[in-house]
Protein backbone atom coordinates (compact mmCIF):
# COMPACT_ATOMS: atom_id res chain seq x y z
CA MET A 1 73.80 127.98 33.09
CA PRO A 2 76.35 129.41 35.52
CA ALA A 3 78.74 132.10 34.40
CA ARG A 4 82.10 130.82 33.33
CA ARG A 5 84.98 131.67 35.57
CA ARG A 6 87.72 133.61 33.89
CA PHE A 7 91.35 133.10 34.70
CA THR A 8 94.28 135.43 34.16
CA SER A 9 97.24 133.99 32.29
CA PRO A 10 100.44 134.42 34.30
CA LEU A 11 102.51 134.85 31.12
CA SER A 12 100.45 137.17 28.97
CA GLY A 13 98.07 138.67 31.52
CA ASP A 14 95.09 137.88 29.26
CA GLU A 15 91.84 136.74 30.78
CA HIS A 16 90.28 133.61 29.35
CA THR A 17 88.16 130.64 30.29
CA ARG A 18 89.51 127.16 30.69
CA ARG A 19 87.95 126.17 27.37
CA GLU A 20 89.64 129.07 25.58
CA PHE A 21 92.95 128.12 27.17
CA PHE A 22 92.76 124.55 25.89
CA ARG A 23 91.60 125.72 22.47
CA ARG A 24 94.60 128.05 22.18
CA LEU A 25 96.91 125.35 23.47
CA GLY A 26 95.59 122.91 20.85
CA ARG A 27 96.08 125.41 18.05
CA THR A 28 99.61 126.20 19.19
CA LEU A 29 100.57 122.54 19.48
CA THR A 30 99.06 121.77 16.06
CA LEU A 31 100.96 124.64 14.45
CA GLY A 32 104.18 123.56 16.17
CA ALA A 33 103.73 119.95 15.05
CA ALA A 34 103.09 121.07 11.47
CA ALA A 35 106.26 123.18 11.55
CA VAL A 36 108.32 120.26 12.86
CA VAL A 37 106.93 117.84 10.26
CA THR A 38 107.62 120.35 7.48
CA GLY A 39 111.18 120.83 8.69
CA VAL A 40 111.86 117.11 8.96
CA LEU A 41 110.47 116.39 5.51
CA GLY A 42 112.43 119.26 3.98
CA ALA A 43 115.66 118.12 5.61
CA ARG A 44 115.07 114.53 4.54
CA ARG A 45 114.49 115.62 0.94
CA ARG A 46 117.64 117.77 0.90
CA ARG A 47 119.69 114.97 2.41
CA ALA A 48 118.38 112.45 -0.14
CA ALA A 49 119.22 114.77 -3.02
CA GLN A 50 122.76 115.27 -1.73
CA SER A 51 123.40 111.58 -1.17
CA GLN A 52 122.22 110.38 -4.58
CA ALA A 53 124.68 108.49 -6.72
CA CYS A 54 124.31 107.67 -10.37
CA VAL A 55 123.17 104.08 -10.81
CA ASN A 56 123.43 104.03 -14.61
CA GLN A 57 126.99 105.36 -15.21
CA GLY A 58 125.77 108.78 -16.36
CA VAL A 59 123.45 107.48 -19.09
CA CYS A 60 120.09 109.06 -18.28
CA ARG A 61 117.96 107.64 -21.08
CA GLY A 62 116.47 104.34 -20.07
CA CYS A 63 117.54 104.71 -16.43
CA PRO A 64 114.96 103.28 -14.00
CA SER A 65 115.61 106.12 -11.55
CA PHE A 66 115.35 108.93 -14.10
CA ASP A 67 111.95 110.31 -13.02
CA GLY A 68 112.96 110.77 -9.38
CA CYS A 69 116.61 111.61 -9.95
CA GLY A 70 117.86 114.98 -8.77
CA LEU A 71 121.44 114.81 -10.00
CA PRO A 72 122.55 117.74 -12.17
CA GLN A 73 123.03 115.61 -15.27
CA ALA A 74 119.52 114.13 -14.95
CA LEU A 75 118.02 117.58 -14.39
CA SER A 76 119.72 118.80 -17.56
CA ALA A 77 118.44 115.77 -19.49
CA LYS A 78 114.89 116.38 -18.18
CA GLN A 79 115.05 120.00 -19.26
CA ALA A 80 116.37 119.04 -22.69
CA THR A 81 113.59 116.50 -23.23
CA ARG A 82 110.96 119.04 -22.16
CA THR A 83 112.09 121.71 -24.62
CA SER A 84 112.54 119.40 -27.60
């Protein structure tokens, strides 16, 4: 098996093989994609919580949206039902 040629990175000055370069590139892209997905999901969740409107005129008991509701009144009702 022939010796692998090593290349010097113009940015970092590190020496690495082509395989190592692509492995590092894949890791970096995967980490970046995970960060972007996390940010998008977090922003979507925050936006959904801010745009919620009460569908049951403030009566939380018996509301079909109660389990997923993030409005302050529903959160208080959930906490009250947990402690009692």
